[in-house]
Amino acid sequence: MSNEEDFMNEAEDDARTVEFIRNYLPQDLQEKFTDEELYYFIDVIAEYYSQDGILDGETDDEGYMDIDLEEVAEYVVKKAKEEKFGDYSAEDVYFVVEGELEYVESLDDEE
């Protein structure tokens, strides 16, 4: 697969992720976040997972990993503030983090 095809596949997956998260969010948050913000959040979530080594971690007997969603949400909020992207509450961003994880789990269910 070429770099261009990889890029297109990633862009399509990100678009599906954003759509899934938007539908997952409680009604009051669906209109609070723009697509641009959701794209930013999923990038920062991925960054957190790769830096924290979560993706390399051990799973439990049922194949699940222990991920502290509150910690991930706090990281996203802190990073957004540091990068002057915006000022968000961890409580609101928590639903985005949870939605992103649900999306990934839905992909696992399809396999």
C-alpha atoms as a PDB file:
ATOM      1  CA  MET A   1       0.000   0.000   0.000  1.00  0.00           C
ATOM      2  CA  SER A   2       1.354   3.434  -0.878  1.00  0.00           C
ATOM      3  CA  ASN A   3       1.734   6.344   1.516  1.00  0.00           C
ATOM      4  CA  GLU A   4      -1.162   8.076  -0.208  1.00  0.00           C
ATOM      5  CA  GLU A   5      -3.400   5.027   0.320  1.00  0.00           C
ATOM      6  CA  ASP A   6      -2.318   4.819   3.969  1.00  0.00           C
ATOM      7  CA  PHE A   7      -3.143   8.488   4.422  1.00  0.00           C
ATOM      8  CA  MET A   8      -6.559   8.064   2.794  1.00  0.00           C
ATOM      9  CA  ASN A   9      -7.354   5.017   4.953  1.00  0.00           C
ATOM     10  CA  GLU A  10      -6.364   6.891   8.103  1.00  0.00           C
ATOM     11  CA  ALA A  11      -8.449   9.902   7.065  1.00  0.00           C
ATOM     12  CA  GLU A  12     -11.474   7.666   6.417  1.00  0.00           C
ATOM     13  CA  ASP A  13     -11.023   5.906   9.760  1.00  0.00           C
ATOM     14  CA  ASP A  14     -10.738   9.259  11.552  1.00  0.00           C
ATOM     15  CA  ALA A  15     -13.943  10.436   9.856  1.00  0.00           C
ATOM     16  CA  ARG A  16     -15.764   7.255  10.964  1.00  0.00           C
ATOM     17  CA  THR A  17     -14.373   7.716  14.479  1.00  0.00           C
ATOM     18  CA  VAL A  18     -15.610  11.313  14.655  1.00  0.00           C
ATOM     19  CA  GLU A  19     -19.044  10.282  13.374  1.00  0.00           C
ATOM     20  CA  PHE A  20     -19.247   7.456  15.918  1.00  0.00           C
ATOM     21  CA  ILE A  21     -18.179   9.731  18.793  1.00  0.00           C
ATOM     22  CA  ARG A  22     -20.646  12.431  17.773  1.00  0.00           C
ATOM     23  CA  ASN A  23     -23.480   9.877  17.858  1.00  0.00           C
ATOM     24  CA  TYR A  24     -22.181   8.447  21.142  1.00  0.00           C
ATOM     25  CA  LEU A  25     -22.073  11.778  22.979  1.00  0.00           C
ATOM     26  CA  PRO A  26     -24.973  12.856  25.183  1.00  0.00           C
ATOM     27  CA  GLN A  27     -27.298  15.253  23.347  1.00  0.00           C
ATOM     28  CA  ASP A  28     -26.015  18.353  25.160  1.00  0.00           C
ATOM     29  CA  LEU A  29     -22.413  17.591  24.129  1.00  0.00           C
ATOM     30  CA  GLN A  30     -23.156  16.663  20.509  1.00  0.00           C
ATOM     31  CA  GLU A  31     -23.421  20.308  19.572  1.00  0.00           C
ATOM     32  CA  LYS A  32     -20.774  21.536  22.016  1.00  0.00           C
ATOM     33  CA  PHE A  33     -17.807  20.095  20.092  1.00  0.00           C
ATOM     34  CA  THR A  34     -16.974  20.829  16.466  1.00  0.00           C
ATOM     35  CA  ASP A  35     -15.619  18.139  14.152  1.00  0.00           C
ATOM     36  CA  GLU A  36     -12.249  19.927  14.290  1.00  0.00           C
ATOM     37  CA  GLU A  37     -12.217  19.567  18.073  1.00  0.00           C
ATOM     38  CA  LEU A  38     -13.143  15.883  17.870  1.00  0.00           C
ATOM     39  CA  TYR A  39     -10.351  15.241  15.331  1.00  0.00           C
ATOM     40  CA  TYR A  40      -7.936  17.012  17.670  1.00  0.00           C
ATOM     41  CA  PHE A  41      -9.113  14.971  20.640  1.00  0.00           C
ATOM     42  CA  ILE A  42      -8.672  11.622  18.875  1.00  0.00           C
ATOM     43  CA  ASP A  43      -5.152  12.635  17.834  1.00  0.00           C
ATOM     44  CA  VAL A  44      -4.263  13.541  21.415  1.00  0.00           C
ATOM     45  CA  ILE A  45      -5.877  10.335  22.721  1.00  0.00           C
ATOM     46  CA  ALA A  46      -3.740   8.305  20.290  1.00  0.00           C
ATOM     47  CA  GLU A  47      -0.669  10.267  21.392  1.00  0.00           C
ATOM     48  CA  TYR A  48      -1.450   9.491  25.033  1.00  0.00           C
ATOM     49  CA  TYR A  49      -1.846   5.775  24.341  1.00  0.00           C
ATOM     50  CA  SER A  50       1.447   5.577  22.453  1.00  0.00           C
ATOM     51  CA  GLN A  51       3.402   7.628  25.013  1.00  0.00           C
ATOM     52  CA  ASP A  52       1.937   5.841  28.022  1.00  0.00           C
ATOM     53  CA  GLY A  53       2.675   2.401  26.586  1.00  0.00           C
ATOM     54  CA  ILE A  54      -0.935   1.304  26.989  1.00  0.00           C
ATOM     55  CA  LEU A  55      -0.937  -0.289  23.554  1.00  0.00           C
ATOM     56  CA  ASP A  56       2.028  -2.445  24.568  1.00  0.00           C
ATOM     57  CA  GLY A  57       0.481  -3.440  27.894  1.00  0.00           C
ATOM     58  CA  GLU A  58      -0.821  -6.757  29.091  1.00  0.00           C
ATOM     59  CA  THR A  59      -4.462  -7.750  28.791  1.00  0.00           C
ATOM     60  CA  ASP A  60      -6.491  -9.531  31.446  1.00  0.00           C
ATOM     61  CA  ASP A  61      -7.849 -13.074  31.128  1.00  0.00           C
ATOM     62  CA  GLU A  62     -10.727 -11.820  28.975  1.00  0.00           C
ATOM     63  CA  GLY A  63      -8.459  -9.851  26.627  1.00  0.00           C
ATOM     64  CA  TYR A  64      -9.202  -6.393  28.043  1.00  0.00           C
ATOM     65  CA  MET A  65      -6.751  -3.676  29.032  1.00  0.00           C
ATOM     66  CA  ASP A  66      -7.216  -1.477  32.074  1.00  0.00           C
ATOM     67  CA  ILE A  67      -7.419   2.098  30.795  1.00  0.00           C
ATOM     68  CA  ASP A  68      -8.136   4.961  33.175  1.00  0.00           C
ATOM     69  CA  LEU A  69     -10.473   7.059  31.027  1.00  0.00           C
ATOM     70  CA  GLU A  70     -10.456   9.920  33.540  1.00  0.00           C
ATOM     71  CA  GLU A  71      -6.669  10.094  33.285  1.00  0.00           C
ATOM     72  CA  VAL A  72      -6.864  10.134  29.482  1.00  0.00           C
ATOM     73  CA  ALA A  73      -9.497  12.902  29.576  1.00  0.00           C
ATOM     74  CA  GLU A  74      -7.353  14.966  31.956  1.00  0.00           C
ATOM     75  CA  TYR A  75      -4.377  14.533  29.622  1.00  0.00           C
ATOM     76  CA  VAL A  76      -6.425  15.743  26.641  1.00  0.00           C
ATOM     77  CA  VAL A  77      -7.650  18.792  28.585  1.00  0.00           C
ATOM     78  CA  LYS A  78      -4.118  19.624  29.747  1.00  0.00           C
ATOM     79  CA  LYS A  79      -2.658  19.193  26.247  1.00  0.00           C
ATOM     80  CA  ALA A  80      -5.377  21.345  24.643  1.00  0.00           C
ATOM     81  CA  LYS A  81      -4.697  24.098  27.152  1.00  0.00           C
ATOM     82  CA  GLU A  82      -0.905  23.871  26.688  1.00  0.00           C
ATOM     83  CA  GLU A  83      -1.267  24.033  22.918  1.00  0.00           C
ATOM     84  CA  LYS A  84      -3.777  26.878  23.215  1.00  0.00           C
ATOM     85  CA  PHE A  85      -6.351  24.802  21.344  1.00  0.00           C
ATOM     86  CA  GLY A  86      -9.066  25.457  23.901  1.00  0.00           C
ATOM     87  CA  ASP A  87     -10.176  25.194  27.488  1.00  0.00           C
ATOM     88  CA  TYR A  88     -12.314  22.118  28.168  1.00  0.00           C
ATOM     89  CA  SER A  89     -13.659  20.306  31.192  1.00  0.00           C
ATOM     90  CA  ALA A  90     -12.393  16.794  31.861  1.00  0.00           C
ATOM     91  CA  GLU A  91     -16.001  15.746  32.527  1.00  0.00           C
ATOM     92  CA  ASP A  92     -17.040  16.692  28.981  1.00  0.00           C
ATOM     93  CA  VAL A  93     -13.929  15.279  27.322  1.00  0.00           C
ATOM     94  CA  TYR A  94     -14.413  12.028  29.262  1.00  0.00           C
ATOM     95  CA  PHE A  95     -17.386  11.210  27.008  1.00  0.00           C
ATOM     96  CA  VAL A  96     -15.221  11.740  23.925  1.00  0.00           C
ATOM     97  CA  VAL A  97     -12.541   9.414  25.331  1.00  0.00           C
ATOM     98  CA  GLU A  98     -15.195   6.846  26.205  1.00  0.00           C
ATOM     99  CA  GLY A  99     -16.738   7.160  22.731  1.00  0.00           C
ATOM    100  CA  GLU A 100     -13.369   6.663  21.041  1.00  0.00           C
ATOM    101  CA  LEU A 101     -12.790   3.505  23.089  1.00  0.00           C
ATOM    102  CA  GLU A 102     -16.291   2.243  22.242  1.00  0.00           C
ATOM    103  CA  TYR A 103     -15.541   2.810  18.557  1.00  0.00           C
ATOM    104  CA  VAL A 104     -12.334   0.757  18.779  1.00  0.00           C
ATOM    105  CA  GLU A 105     -14.179  -1.997  20.636  1.00  0.00           C
ATOM    106  CA  SER A 106     -16.903  -1.992  17.964  1.00  0.00           C
ATOM    107  CA  LEU A 107     -14.209  -2.655  15.357  1.00  0.00           C
ATOM    108  CA  ASP A 108     -12.945  -5.601  17.421  1.00  0.00           C
ATOM    109  CA  ASP A 109     -16.511  -6.970  17.580  1.00  0.00           C
ATOM    110  CA  GLU A 110     -16.726  -6.885  13.765  1.00  0.00           C
ATOM    111  CA  GLU A 111     -13.677  -9.130  13.357  1.00  0.00           C
END
